[in-house]
Amino acid sequence: HYQADRKGLLAWVNNLWENLLVISWAVLLVSIIYLVIKLVL
């Protein structure tokens, strides 16, 4: 559902929310990789 050309206050809030979720997804992905390595060891 991503639209890059949104404008206004609602677009700013949506952009902030999307940035937060992308950052948390990246942190979670790195954490899962680390956990899998630790569990295998």
Full PDB file with SEQRES, HELIX, SHEET, SSBOND, CRYST1, ORIGX, SCALE, CONECT and MASTER records, all heavy atoms in Angstrom:
SEQRES   1 A   41  HIS TYR GLN ALA ASP ARG LYS GLY LEU LEU ALA TRP VAL          
SEQRES   2 A   41  ASN ASN LEU TRP GLU ASN LEU LEU VAL ILE SER TRP ALA          
SEQRES   3 A   41  VAL LEU LEU VAL SER ILE ILE TYR LEU VAL ILE LYS LEU          
SEQRES   4 A   41  VAL LEU                                                      
HELIX    1 AA1 LEU A    9  VAL A   40  1                                  32    
CRYST1    1.000    1.000    1.000  90.00  90.00  90.00 P 1           1          
ORIGX1      1.000000  0.000000  0.000000        0.00000                         
ORIGX2      0.000000  1.000000  0.000000        0.00000                         
ORIGX3      0.000000  0.000000  1.000000        0.00000                         
SCALE1      1.000000  0.000000  0.000000        0.00000                         
SCALE2      0.000000  1.000000  0.000000        0.00000                         
SCALE3      0.000000  0.000000  1.000000        0.00000                         
ATOM      1  N   HIS A   1       0.807  -1.221   0.000  1.00  0.00           N  
ATOM      2  CA  HIS A   1       0.000   0.000   0.000  1.00  0.00           C  
ATOM      3  C   HIS A   1       0.839   1.269   0.000  1.00  0.00           C  
ATOM      4  O   HIS A   1       0.325   2.346   0.280  1.00  0.00           O  
ATOM      5  CB  HIS A   1      -0.924   0.014   1.225  1.00  0.00           C  
ATOM      6  CG  HIS A   1      -1.859  -1.146   1.266  1.00  0.00           C  
ATOM      7  ND1 HIS A   1      -2.857  -1.338   0.347  1.00  0.00           N  
ATOM      8  CD2 HIS A   1      -1.936  -2.206   2.102  1.00  0.00           C  
ATOM      9  CE1 HIS A   1      -3.517  -2.437   0.611  1.00  0.00           C  
ATOM     10  NE2 HIS A   1      -2.976  -2.992   1.686  1.00  0.00           N  
ATOM     11  N   TYR A   2       2.122   1.167  -0.308  1.00  0.00           N  
ATOM     12  CA  TYR A   2       3.031   2.312  -0.222  1.00  0.00           C  
ATOM     13  C   TYR A   2       2.809   3.290  -1.373  1.00  0.00           C  
ATOM     14  O   TYR A   2       2.696   2.899  -2.528  1.00  0.00           O  
ATOM     15  CB  TYR A   2       4.476   1.823  -0.237  1.00  0.00           C  
ATOM     16  CG  TYR A   2       5.503   2.919  -0.123  1.00  0.00           C  
ATOM     17  CD1 TYR A   2       5.615   3.665   1.036  1.00  0.00           C  
ATOM     18  CD2 TYR A   2       6.340   3.219  -1.185  1.00  0.00           C  
ATOM     19  CE1 TYR A   2       6.547   4.660   1.155  1.00  0.00           C  
ATOM     20  CE2 TYR A   2       7.283   4.215  -1.075  1.00  0.00           C  
ATOM     21  CZ  TYR A   2       7.382   4.937   0.094  1.00  0.00           C  
ATOM     22  OH  TYR A   2       8.309   5.934   0.204  1.00  0.00           O  
ATOM     23  N   GLN A   3       2.750   4.584  -1.012  1.00  0.00           N  
ATOM     24  CA  GLN A   3       2.674   5.672  -1.984  1.00  0.00           C  
ATOM     25  C   GLN A   3       3.729   6.687  -1.592  1.00  0.00           C  
ATOM     26  O   GLN A   3       3.671   7.267  -0.511  1.00  0.00           O  
ATOM     27  CB  GLN A   3       1.303   6.327  -1.976  1.00  0.00           C  
ATOM     28  CG  GLN A   3       0.185   5.399  -2.369  1.00  0.00           C  
ATOM     29  CD  GLN A   3      -1.164   6.046  -2.147  1.00  0.00           C  
ATOM     30  OE1 GLN A   3      -1.246   7.150  -1.636  1.00  0.00           O  
ATOM     31  NE2 GLN A   3      -2.207   5.360  -2.525  1.00  0.00           N  
ATOM     32  N   ALA A   4       4.667   6.929  -2.486  1.00  0.00           N  
ATOM     33  CA  ALA A   4       5.804   7.798  -2.156  1.00  0.00           C  
ATOM     34  C   ALA A   4       5.461   9.280  -2.221  1.00  0.00           C  
ATOM     35  O   ALA A   4       6.119  10.091  -1.583  1.00  0.00           O  
ATOM     36  CB  ALA A   4       6.970   7.504  -3.088  1.00  0.00           C  
ATOM     37  N   ASP A   5       4.436   9.647  -2.940  1.00  0.00           N  
ATOM     38  CA  ASP A   5       4.157  11.069  -3.177  1.00  0.00           C  
ATOM     39  C   ASP A   5       2.975  11.598  -2.355  1.00  0.00           C  
ATOM     40  O   ASP A   5       2.136  12.324  -2.856  1.00  0.00           O  
ATOM     41  CB  ASP A   5       3.915  11.304  -4.663  1.00  0.00           C  
ATOM     42  CG  ASP A   5       2.801  10.429  -5.213  1.00  0.00           C  
ATOM     43  OD1 ASP A   5       2.386   9.484  -4.528  1.00  0.00           O  
ATOM     44  OD2 ASP A   5       2.349  10.710  -6.341  1.00  0.00           O  
ATOM     45  N   ARG A   6       2.922  11.278  -1.079  1.00  0.00           N  
ATOM     46  CA  ARG A   6       1.862  11.788  -0.207  1.00  0.00           C  
ATOM     47  C   ARG A   6       2.288  13.117   0.396  1.00  0.00           C  
ATOM     48  O   ARG A   6       3.472  13.358   0.607  1.00  0.00           O  
ATOM     49  CB  ARG A   6       1.563  10.789   0.903  1.00  0.00           C  
ATOM     50  CG  ARG A   6       0.980   9.500   0.403  1.00  0.00           C  
ATOM     51  CD  ARG A   6       0.739   8.568   1.525  1.00  0.00           C  
ATOM     52  NE  ARG A   6       2.047   8.158   2.055  1.00  0.00           N  
ATOM     53  CZ  ARG A   6       2.236   7.116   2.826  1.00  0.00           C  
ATOM     54  NH1 ARG A   6       1.229   6.375   3.182  1.00  0.00           N  
ATOM     55  NH2 ARG A   6       3.441   6.798   3.255  1.00  0.00           N  
ATOM     56  N   LYS A   7       1.320  13.952   0.704  1.00  0.00           N  
ATOM     57  CA  LYS A   7       1.610  15.257   1.288  1.00  0.00           C  
ATOM     58  C   LYS A   7       0.623  15.536   2.420  1.00  0.00           C  
ATOM     59  O   LYS A   7      -0.452  14.988   2.474  1.00  0.00           O  
ATOM     60  CB  LYS A   7       1.492  16.346   0.229  1.00  0.00           C  
ATOM     61  CG  LYS A   7       2.441  16.151  -0.934  1.00  0.00           C  
ATOM     62  CD  LYS A   7       2.732  17.443  -1.612  1.00  0.00           C  
ATOM     63  CE  LYS A   7       3.631  17.317  -2.800  1.00  0.00           C  
ATOM     64  NZ  LYS A   7       4.744  16.449  -2.715  1.00  0.00           N  
ATOM     65  N   GLY A   8       1.043  16.389   3.355  1.00  0.00           N  
ATOM     66  CA  GLY A   8       0.170  16.791   4.435  1.00  0.00           C  
ATOM     67  C   GLY A   8       0.561  16.182   5.767  1.00  0.00           C  
ATOM     68  O   GLY A   8       1.540  15.448   5.888  1.00  0.00           O  
ATOM     69  N   LEU A   9      -0.222  16.534   6.799  1.00  0.00           N  
ATOM     70  CA  LEU A   9       0.053  16.071   8.149  1.00  0.00           C  
ATOM     71  C   LEU A   9      -0.140  14.553   8.282  1.00  0.00           C  
ATOM     72  O   LEU A   9       0.669  13.876   8.908  1.00  0.00           O  
ATOM     73  CB  LEU A   9      -0.843  16.804   9.148  1.00  0.00           C  
ATOM     74  CG  LEU A   9      -0.673  16.413  10.609  1.00  0.00           C  
ATOM     75  CD1 LEU A   9       0.737  16.758  11.069  1.00  0.00           C  
ATOM     76  CD2 LEU A   9      -1.707  17.075  11.471  1.00  0.00           C  
ATOM     77  N   LEU A  10      -1.208  14.038   7.677  1.00  0.00           N  
ATOM     78  CA  LEU A  10      -1.449  12.601   7.741  1.00  0.00           C  
ATOM     79  C   LEU A  10      -0.326  11.828   7.038  1.00  0.00           C  
ATOM     80  O   LEU A  10       0.086  10.765   7.515  1.00  0.00           O  
ATOM     81  CB  LEU A  10      -2.798  12.267   7.110  1.00  0.00           C  
ATOM     82  CG  LEU A  10      -3.266  10.822   7.238  1.00  0.00           C  
ATOM     83  CD1 LEU A  10      -3.385  10.424   8.702  1.00  0.00           C  
ATOM     84  CD2 LEU A  10      -4.579  10.634   6.529  1.00  0.00           C  
ATOM     85  N   ALA A  11       0.182  12.362   5.949  1.00  0.00           N  
ATOM     86  CA  ALA A  11       1.303  11.723   5.254  1.00  0.00           C  
ATOM     87  C   ALA A  11       2.552  11.738   6.130  1.00  0.00           C  
ATOM     88  O   ALA A  11       3.319  10.773   6.140  1.00  0.00           O  
ATOM     89  CB  ALA A  11       1.577  12.428   3.929  1.00  0.00           C  
ATOM     90  N   TRP A  12       2.754  12.818   6.864  1.00  0.00           N  
ATOM     91  CA  TRP A  12       3.913  12.899   7.764  1.00  0.00           C  
ATOM     92  C   TRP A  12       3.816  11.847   8.864  1.00  0.00           C  
ATOM     93  O   TRP A  12       4.798  11.178   9.194  1.00  0.00           O  
ATOM     94  CB  TRP A  12       3.997  14.302   8.366  1.00  0.00           C  
ATOM     95  CG  TRP A  12       5.155  14.478   9.282  1.00  0.00           C  
ATOM     96  CD1 TRP A  12       6.450  14.732   8.936  1.00  0.00           C  
ATOM     97  CD2 TRP A  12       5.137  14.403  10.712  1.00  0.00           C  
ATOM     98  NE1 TRP A  12       7.239  14.818  10.061  1.00  0.00           N  
ATOM     99  CE2 TRP A  12       6.448  14.624  11.168  1.00  0.00           C  
ATOM    100  CE3 TRP A  12       4.134  14.186  11.647  1.00  0.00           C  
ATOM    101  CZ2 TRP A  12       6.777  14.617  12.506  1.00  0.00           C  
ATOM    102  CZ3 TRP A  12       4.465  14.182  12.983  1.00  0.00           C  
ATOM    103  CH2 TRP A  12       5.783  14.400  13.400  1.00  0.00           C  
ATOM    104  N   VAL A  13       2.612  11.691   9.443  1.00  0.00           N  
ATOM    105  CA  VAL A  13       2.404  10.685  10.487  1.00  0.00           C  
ATOM    106  C   VAL A  13       2.581   9.279   9.908  1.00  0.00           C  
ATOM    107  O   VAL A  13       3.227   8.421  10.532  1.00  0.00           O  
ATOM    108  CB  VAL A  13       1.009  10.856  11.133  1.00  0.00           C  
ATOM    109  CG1 VAL A  13       0.686   9.702  12.060  1.00  0.00           C  
ATOM    110  CG2 VAL A  13       0.922  12.178  11.863  1.00  0.00           C  
ATOM    111  N   ASN A  14       2.025   9.028   8.721  1.00  0.00           N  
ATOM    112  CA  ASN A  14       2.206   7.719   8.082  1.00  0.00           C  
ATOM    113  C   ASN A  14       3.666   7.442   7.789  1.00  0.00           C  
ATOM    114  O   ASN A  14       4.145   6.318   7.973  1.00  0.00           O  
ATOM    115  CB  ASN A  14       1.412   7.647   6.772  1.00  0.00           C  
ATOM    116  CG  ASN A  14      -0.039   7.311   7.001  1.00  0.00           C  
ATOM    117  OD1 ASN A  14      -0.396   6.769   8.036  1.00  0.00           O  
ATOM    118  ND2 ASN A  14      -0.866   7.648   6.039  1.00  0.00           N  
ATOM    119  N   ASN A  15       4.382   8.449   7.332  1.00  0.00           N  
ATOM    120  CA  ASN A  15       5.804   8.290   7.038  1.00  0.00           C  
ATOM    121  C   ASN A  15       6.590   7.966   8.307  1.00  0.00           C  
ATOM    122  O   ASN A  15       7.482   7.118   8.301  1.00  0.00           O  
ATOM    123  CB  ASN A  15       6.338   9.551   6.365  1.00  0.00           C  
ATOM    124  CG  ASN A  15       7.659   9.324   5.705  1.00  0.00           C  
ATOM    125  OD1 ASN A  15       8.031   8.203   5.410  1.00  0.00           O  
ATOM    126  ND2 ASN A  15       8.382  10.412   5.470  1.00  0.00           N  
ATOM    127  N   LEU A  16       6.251   8.651   9.388  1.00  0.00           N  
ATOM    128  CA  LEU A  16       6.899   8.385  10.669  1.00  0.00           C  
ATOM    129  C   LEU A  16       6.633   6.952  11.131  1.00  0.00           C  
ATOM    130  O   LEU A  16       7.547   6.246  11.571  1.00  0.00           O  
ATOM    131  CB  LEU A  16       6.410   9.390  11.711  1.00  0.00           C  
ATOM    132  CG  LEU A  16       7.108   9.407  13.055  1.00  0.00           C  
ATOM    133  CD1 LEU A  16       8.546   9.879  12.872  1.00  0.00           C  
ATOM    134  CD2 LEU A  16       6.368  10.329  14.000  1.00  0.00           C  
ATOM    135  N   TRP A  17       5.390   6.510  11.009  1.00  0.00           N  
ATOM    136  CA  TRP A  17       5.019   5.153  11.397  1.00  0.00           C  
ATOM    137  C   TRP A  17       5.736   4.122  10.521  1.00  0.00           C  
ATOM    138  O   TRP A  17       6.232   3.107  11.026  1.00  0.00           O  
ATOM    139  CB  TRP A  17       3.510   4.994  11.291  1.00  0.00           C  
ATOM    140  CG  TRP A  17       3.025   3.619  11.589  1.00  0.00           C  
ATOM    141  CD1 TRP A  17       2.487   2.725  10.718  1.00  0.00           C  
ATOM    142  CD2 TRP A  17       3.045   2.948  12.849  1.00  0.00           C  
ATOM    143  NE1 TRP A  17       2.162   1.569  11.342  1.00  0.00           N  
ATOM    144  CE2 TRP A  17       2.495   1.675  12.658  1.00  0.00           C  
ATOM    145  CE3 TRP A  17       3.472   3.312  14.124  1.00  0.00           C  
ATOM    146  CZ2 TRP A  17       2.369   0.757  13.687  1.00  0.00           C  
ATOM    147  CZ3 TRP A  17       3.343   2.392  15.148  1.00  0.00           C  
ATOM    148  CH2 TRP A  17       2.798   1.135  14.927  1.00  0.00           C  
ATOM    149  N   GLU A  18       5.802   4.357   9.218  1.00  0.00           N  
ATOM    150  CA  GLU A  18       6.494   3.430   8.324  1.00  0.00           C  
ATOM    151  C   GLU A  18       7.982   3.363   8.640  1.00  0.00           C  
ATOM    152  O   GLU A  18       8.578   2.286   8.619  1.00  0.00           O  
ATOM    153  CB  GLU A  18       6.280   3.835   6.869  1.00  0.00           C  
ATOM    154  CG  GLU A  18       4.877   3.567   6.373  1.00  0.00           C  
ATOM    155  CD  GLU A  18       4.619   4.168   5.019  1.00  0.00           C  
ATOM    156  OE1 GLU A  18       5.475   4.922   4.497  1.00  0.00           O  
ATOM    157  OE2 GLU A  18       3.539   3.898   4.461  1.00  0.00           O  
ATOM    158  N   ASN A  19       8.587   4.514   8.937  1.00  0.00           N  
ATOM    159  CA  ASN A  19      10.006   4.526   9.307  1.00  0.00           C  
ATOM    160  C   ASN A  19      10.245   3.723  10.583  1.00  0.00           C  
ATOM    161  O   ASN A  19      11.223   2.976  10.683  1.00  0.00           O  
ATOM    162  CB  ASN A  19      10.518   5.950   9.479  1.00  0.00           C  
ATOM    163  CG  ASN A  19      10.668   6.659   8.164  1.00  0.00           C  
ATOM    164  OD1 ASN A  19      10.768   6.042   7.109  1.00  0.00           O  
ATOM    165  ND2 ASN A  19      10.666   7.982   8.206  1.00  0.00           N  
ATOM    166  N   LEU A  20       9.366   3.891  11.555  1.00  0.00           N  
ATOM    167  CA  LEU A  20       9.488   3.144  12.803  1.00  0.00           C  
ATOM    168  C   LEU A  20       9.391   1.636  12.560  1.00  0.00           C  
ATOM    169  O   LEU A  20      10.181   0.856  13.099  1.00  0.00           O  
ATOM    170  CB  LEU A  20       8.409   3.599  13.788  1.00  0.00           C  
ATOM    171  CG  LEU A  20       8.363   2.872  15.119  1.00  0.00           C  
ATOM    172  CD1 LEU A  20       9.610   3.210  15.935  1.00  0.00           C  
ATOM    173  CD2 LEU A  20       7.112   3.236  15.873  1.00  0.00           C  
ATOM    174  N   LEU A  21       8.449   1.213  11.731  1.00  0.00           N  
ATOM    175  CA  LEU A  21       8.299  -0.207  11.457  1.00  0.00           C  
ATOM    176  C   LEU A  21       9.456  -0.774  10.648  1.00  0.00           C  
ATOM    177  O   LEU A  21       9.880  -1.907  10.880  1.00  0.00           O  
ATOM    178  CB  LEU A  21       6.980  -0.469  10.734  1.00  0.00           C  
ATOM    179  CG  LEU A  21       5.746  -0.424  11.612  1.00  0.00           C  
ATOM    180  CD1 LEU A  21       4.491  -0.653  10.795  1.00  0.00           C  
ATOM    181  CD2 LEU A  21       5.821  -1.444  12.718  1.00  0.00           C  
ATOM    182  N   VAL A  22      10.004   0.001   9.720  1.00  0.00           N  
ATOM    183  CA  VAL A  22      11.150  -0.476   8.940  1.00  0.00           C  
ATOM    184  C   VAL A  22      12.373  -0.623   9.842  1.00  0.00           C  
ATOM    185  O   VAL A  22      13.107  -1.612   9.756  1.00  0.00           O  
ATOM    186  CB  VAL A  22      11.432   0.465   7.748  1.00  0.00           C  
ATOM    187  CG1 VAL A  22      12.780   0.177   7.122  1.00  0.00           C  
ATOM    188  CG2 VAL A  22      10.338   0.329   6.703  1.00  0.00           C  
ATOM    189  N   ILE A  23      12.583   0.336  10.734  1.00  0.00           N  
ATOM    190  CA  ILE A  23      13.710   0.243  11.663  1.00  0.00           C  
ATOM    191  C   ILE A  23      13.535  -0.948  12.600  1.00  0.00           C  
ATOM    192  O   ILE A  23      14.475  -1.713  12.833  1.00  0.00           O  
ATOM    193  CB  ILE A  23      13.872   1.565  12.447  1.00  0.00           C  
ATOM    194  CG1 ILE A  23      14.365   2.667  11.519  1.00  0.00           C  
ATOM    195  CG2 ILE A  23      14.829   1.393  13.621  1.00  0.00           C  
ATOM    196  CD1 ILE A  23      14.299   4.049  12.132  1.00  0.00           C  
ATOM    197  N   SER A  24      12.325  -1.135  13.124  1.00  0.00           N  
ATOM    198  CA  SER A  24      12.104  -2.273  14.019  1.00  0.00           C  
ATOM    199  C   SER A  24      12.225  -3.592  13.265  1.00  0.00           C  
ATOM    200  O   SER A  24      12.715  -4.582  13.818  1.00  0.00           O  
ATOM    201  CB  SER A  24      10.748  -2.168  14.709  1.00  0.00           C  
ATOM    202  OG  SER A  24       9.711  -2.242  13.762  1.00  0.00           O  
ATOM    203  N   TRP A  25      11.826  -3.645  11.988  1.00  0.00           N  
ATOM    204  CA  TRP A  25      11.991  -4.859  11.183  1.00  0.00           C  
ATOM    205  C   TRP A  25      13.479  -5.174  11.005  1.00  0.00           C  
ATOM    206  O   TRP A  25      13.879  -6.324  11.134  1.00  0.00           O  
ATOM    207  CB  TRP A  25      11.324  -4.679   9.825  1.00  0.00           C  
ATOM    208  CG  TRP A  25      11.571  -5.817   8.882  1.00  0.00           C  
ATOM    209  CD1 TRP A  25      10.933  -7.023   8.868  1.00  0.00           C  
ATOM    210  CD2 TRP A  25      12.541  -5.855   7.840  1.00  0.00           C  
ATOM    211  NE1 TRP A  25      11.452  -7.805   7.865  1.00  0.00           N  
ATOM    212  CE2 TRP A  25      12.433  -7.109   7.212  1.00  0.00           C  
ATOM    213  CE3 TRP A  25      13.481  -4.942   7.362  1.00  0.00           C  
ATOM    214  CZ2 TRP A  25      13.244  -7.468   6.145  1.00  0.00           C  
ATOM    215  CZ3 TRP A  25      14.274  -5.307   6.300  1.00  0.00           C  
ATOM    216  CH2 TRP A  25      14.154  -6.551   5.706  1.00  0.00           C  
ATOM    217  N   ALA A  26      14.288  -4.152  10.718  1.00  0.00           N  
ATOM    218  CA  ALA A  26      15.727  -4.371  10.528  1.00  0.00           C  
ATOM    219  C   ALA A  26      16.382  -4.849  11.829  1.00  0.00           C  
ATOM    220  O   ALA A  26      17.198  -5.774  11.821  1.00  0.00           O  
ATOM    221  CB  ALA A  26      16.391  -3.098  10.026  1.00  0.00           C  
ATOM    222  N   VAL A  27      16.007  -4.233  12.951  1.00  0.00           N  
ATOM    223  CA  VAL A  27      16.560  -4.648  14.246  1.00  0.00           C  
ATOM    224  C   VAL A  27      16.124  -6.078  14.571  1.00  0.00           C  
ATOM    225  O   VAL A  27      16.924  -6.893  15.041  1.00  0.00           O  
ATOM    226  CB  VAL A  27      16.132  -3.667  15.353  1.00  0.00           C  
ATOM    227  CG1 VAL A  27      16.426  -4.206  16.736  1.00  0.00           C  
ATOM    228  CG2 VAL A  27      16.804  -2.319  15.142  1.00  0.00           C  
ATOM    229  N   LEU A  28      14.886  -6.399  14.303  1.00  0.00           N  
ATOM    230  CA  LEU A  28      14.379  -7.746  14.562  1.00  0.00           C  
ATOM    231  C   LEU A  28      15.082  -8.767  13.679  1.00  0.00           C  
ATOM    232  O   LEU A  28      15.430  -9.859  14.139  1.00  0.00           O  
ATOM    233  CB  LEU A  28      12.873  -7.802  14.330  1.00  0.00           C  
ATOM    234  CG  LEU A  28      12.211  -9.134  14.593  1.00  0.00           C  
ATOM    235  CD1 LEU A  28      12.267  -9.462  16.077  1.00  0.00           C  
ATOM    236  CD2 LEU A  28      10.787  -9.122  14.115  1.00  0.00           C  
ATOM    237  N   LEU A  29      15.323  -8.435  12.428  1.00  0.00           N  
ATOM    238  CA  LEU A  29      16.004  -9.353  11.528  1.00  0.00           C  
ATOM    239  C   LEU A  29      17.428  -9.645  12.005  1.00  0.00           C  
ATOM    240  O   LEU A  29      17.852 -10.802  12.050  1.00  0.00           O  
ATOM    241  CB  LEU A  29      16.025  -8.781  10.112  1.00  0.00           C  
ATOM    242  CG  LEU A  29      16.538  -9.701   9.019  1.00  0.00           C  
ATOM    243  CD1 LEU A  29      15.628 -10.913   8.876  1.00  0.00           C  
ATOM    244  CD2 LEU A  29      16.624  -8.943   7.712  1.00  0.00           C  
ATOM    245  N   VAL A  30      18.146  -8.610  12.421  1.00  0.00           N  
ATOM    246  CA  VAL A  30      19.498  -8.805  12.940  1.00  0.00           C  
ATOM    247  C   VAL A  30      19.453  -9.610  14.243  1.00  0.00           C  
ATOM    248  O   VAL A  30      20.282 -10.507  14.454  1.00  0.00           O  
ATOM    249  CB  VAL A  30      20.202  -7.449  13.144  1.00  0.00           C  
ATOM    250  CG1 VAL A  30      21.497  -7.603  13.911  1.00  0.00           C  
ATOM    251  CG2 VAL A  30      20.454  -6.786  11.806  1.00  0.00           C  
ATOM    252  N   SER A  31      18.477  -9.338  15.087  1.00  0.00           N  
ATOM    253  CA  SER A  31      18.349 -10.073  16.350  1.00  0.00           C  
ATOM    254  C   SER A  31      18.034 -11.550  16.115  1.00  0.00           C  
ATOM    255  O   SER A  31      18.568 -12.421  16.811  1.00  0.00           O  
ATOM    256  CB  SER A  31      17.250  -9.463  17.214  1.00  0.00           C  
ATOM    257  OG  SER A  31      17.543  -8.137  17.500  1.00  0.00           O  
ATOM    258  N   ILE A  32      17.190 -11.839  15.153  1.00  0.00           N  
ATOM    259  CA  ILE A  32      16.855 -13.231  14.855  1.00  0.00           C  
ATOM    260  C   ILE A  32      18.066 -13.969  14.303  1.00  0.00           C  
ATOM    261  O   ILE A  32      18.331 -15.119  14.678  1.00  0.00           O  
ATOM    262  CB  ILE A  32      15.656 -13.301  13.888  1.00  0.00           C  
ATOM    263  CG1 ILE A  32      14.381 -12.903  14.631  1.00  0.00           C  
ATOM    264  CG2 ILE A  32      15.505 -14.685  13.281  1.00  0.00           C  
ATOM    265  CD1 ILE A  32      13.176 -12.762  13.746  1.00  0.00           C  
ATOM    266  N   ILE A  33      18.823 -13.325  13.435  1.00  0.00           N  
ATOM    267  CA  ILE A  33      20.035 -13.953  12.903  1.00  0.00           C  
ATOM    268  C   ILE A  33      21.014 -14.236  14.041  1.00  0.00           C  
ATOM    269  O   ILE A  33      21.601 -15.324  14.117  1.00  0.00           O  
ATOM    270  CB  ILE A  33      20.664 -13.070  11.811  1.00  0.00           C  
ATOM    271  CG1 ILE A  33      19.765 -13.054  10.575  1.00  0.00           C  
ATOM    272  CG2 ILE A  33      22.061 -13.551  11.449  1.00  0.00           C  
ATOM    273  CD1 ILE A  33      20.159 -12.035   9.541  1.00  0.00           C  
ATOM    274  N   TYR A  34      21.179 -13.281  14.941  1.00  0.00           N  
ATOM    275  CA  TYR A  34      22.057 -13.470  16.090  1.00  0.00           C  
ATOM    276  C   TYR A  34      21.554 -14.611  16.985  1.00  0.00           C  
ATOM    277  O   TYR A  34      22.336 -15.454  17.441  1.00  0.00           O  
ATOM    278  CB  TYR A  34      22.159 -12.164  16.881  1.00  0.00           C  
ATOM    279  CG  TYR A  34      23.010 -12.249  18.109  1.00  0.00           C  
ATOM    280  CD1 TYR A  34      24.387 -12.314  18.020  1.00  0.00           C  
ATOM    281  CD2 TYR A  34      22.431 -12.273  19.372  1.00  0.00           C  
ATOM    282  CE1 TYR A  34      25.179 -12.397  19.141  1.00  0.00           C  
ATOM    283  CE2 TYR A  34      23.208 -12.358  20.510  1.00  0.00           C  
ATOM    284  CZ  TYR A  34      24.582 -12.415  20.387  1.00  0.00           C  
ATOM    285  OH  TYR A  34      25.356 -12.508  21.516  1.00  0.00           O  
ATOM    286  N   LEU A  35      20.251 -14.656  17.219  1.00  0.00           N  
ATOM    287  CA  LEU A  35      19.677 -15.714  18.054  1.00  0.00           C  
ATOM    288  C   LEU A  35      19.859 -17.081  17.422  1.00  0.00           C  
ATOM    289  O   LEU A  35      20.193 -18.049  18.114  1.00  0.00           O  
ATOM    290  CB  LEU A  35      18.191 -15.438  18.299  1.00  0.00           C  
ATOM    291  CG  LEU A  35      17.443 -16.468  19.133  1.00  0.00           C  
ATOM    292  CD1 LEU A  35      17.970 -16.487  20.555  1.00  0.00           C  
ATOM    293  CD2 LEU A  35      15.958 -16.184  19.124  1.00  0.00           C  
ATOM    294  N   VAL A  36      19.662 -17.177  16.129  1.00  0.00           N  
ATOM    295  CA  VAL A  36      19.832 -18.465  15.449  1.00  0.00           C  
ATOM    296  C   VAL A  36      21.285 -18.931  15.553  1.00  0.00           C  
ATOM    297  O   VAL A  36      21.555 -20.107  15.828  1.00  0.00           O  
ATOM    298  CB  VAL A  36      19.367 -18.371  13.980  1.00  0.00           C  
ATOM    299  CG1 VAL A  36      19.820 -19.570  13.180  1.00  0.00           C  
ATOM    300  CG2 VAL A  36      17.858 -18.231  13.916  1.00  0.00           C  
ATOM    301  N   ILE A  37      22.227 -18.015  15.358  1.00  0.00           N  
ATOM    302  CA  ILE A  37      23.640 -18.379  15.484  1.00  0.00           C  
ATOM    303  C   ILE A  37      23.953 -18.849  16.904  1.00  0.00           C  
ATOM    304  O   ILE A  37      24.620 -19.867  17.098  1.00  0.00           O  
ATOM    305  CB  ILE A  37      24.542 -17.202  15.072  1.00  0.00           C  
ATOM    306  CG1 ILE A  37      24.426 -16.956  13.572  1.00  0.00           C  
ATOM    307  CG2 ILE A  37      25.994 -17.450  15.458  1.00  0.00           C  
ATOM    308  CD1 ILE A  37      25.078 -15.677  13.109  1.00  0.00           C  
ATOM    309  N   LYS A  38      23.465 -18.120  17.909  1.00  0.00           N  
ATOM    310  CA  LYS A  38      23.700 -18.520  19.299  1.00  0.00           C  
ATOM    311  C   LYS A  38      23.050 -19.871  19.613  1.00  0.00           C  
ATOM    312  O   LYS A  38      23.643 -20.686  20.325  1.00  0.00           O  
ATOM    313  CB  LYS A  38      23.160 -17.451  20.259  1.00  0.00           C  
ATOM    314  CG  LYS A  38      23.909 -16.142  20.226  1.00  0.00           C  
ATOM    315  CD  LYS A  38      25.317 -16.290  20.707  1.00  0.00           C  
ATOM    316  CE  LYS A  38      25.341 -16.257  22.202  1.00  0.00           C  
ATOM    317  NZ  LYS A  38      26.683 -16.249  22.770  1.00  0.00           N  
ATOM    318  N   LEU A  39      21.855 -20.118  19.099  1.00  0.00           N  
ATOM    319  CA  LEU A  39      21.182 -21.386  19.362  1.00  0.00           C  
ATOM    320  C   LEU A  39      21.893 -22.558  18.696  1.00  0.00           C  
ATOM    321  O   LEU A  39      22.005 -23.635  19.281  1.00  0.00           O  
ATOM    322  CB  LEU A  39      19.727 -21.325  18.900  1.00  0.00           C  
ATOM    323  CG  LEU A  39      18.797 -20.501  19.773  1.00  0.00           C  
ATOM    324  CD1 LEU A  39      17.429 -20.413  19.149  1.00  0.00           C  
ATOM    325  CD2 LEU A  39      18.714 -21.063  21.164  1.00  0.00           C  
ATOM    326  N   VAL A  40      22.381 -22.348  17.490  1.00  0.00           N  
ATOM    327  CA  VAL A  40      23.120 -23.414  16.813  1.00  0.00           C  
ATOM    328  C   VAL A  40      24.401 -23.722  17.576  1.00  0.00           C  
ATOM    329  O   VAL A  40      24.756 -24.888  17.769  1.00  0.00           O  
ATOM    330  CB  VAL A  40      23.407 -23.024  15.344  1.00  0.00           C  
ATOM    331  CG1 VAL A  40      24.432 -23.945  14.714  1.00  0.00           C  
ATOM    332  CG2 VAL A  40      22.118 -23.029  14.541  1.00  0.00           C  
ATOM    333  N   LEU A  41      25.087 -22.688  18.038  1.00  0.00           N  
ATOM    334  CA  LEU A  41      26.298 -22.918  18.829  1.00  0.00           C  
ATOM    335  C   LEU A  41      25.971 -23.601  20.159  1.00  0.00           C  
ATOM    336  O   LEU A  41      26.697 -24.478  20.602  1.00  0.00           O  
ATOM    337  CB  LEU A  41      27.026 -21.601  19.074  1.00  0.00           C  
ATOM    338  CG  LEU A  41      27.710 -20.971  17.861  1.00  0.00           C  
ATOM    339  CD1 LEU A  41      28.301 -19.625  18.226  1.00  0.00           C  
ATOM    340  CD2 LEU A  41      28.772 -21.898  17.319  1.00  0.00           C  
TER     341      LEU A  41                                                      
MASTER        0    0    0    1    0    0    0    6  340    1    0    4          
END                                                                             
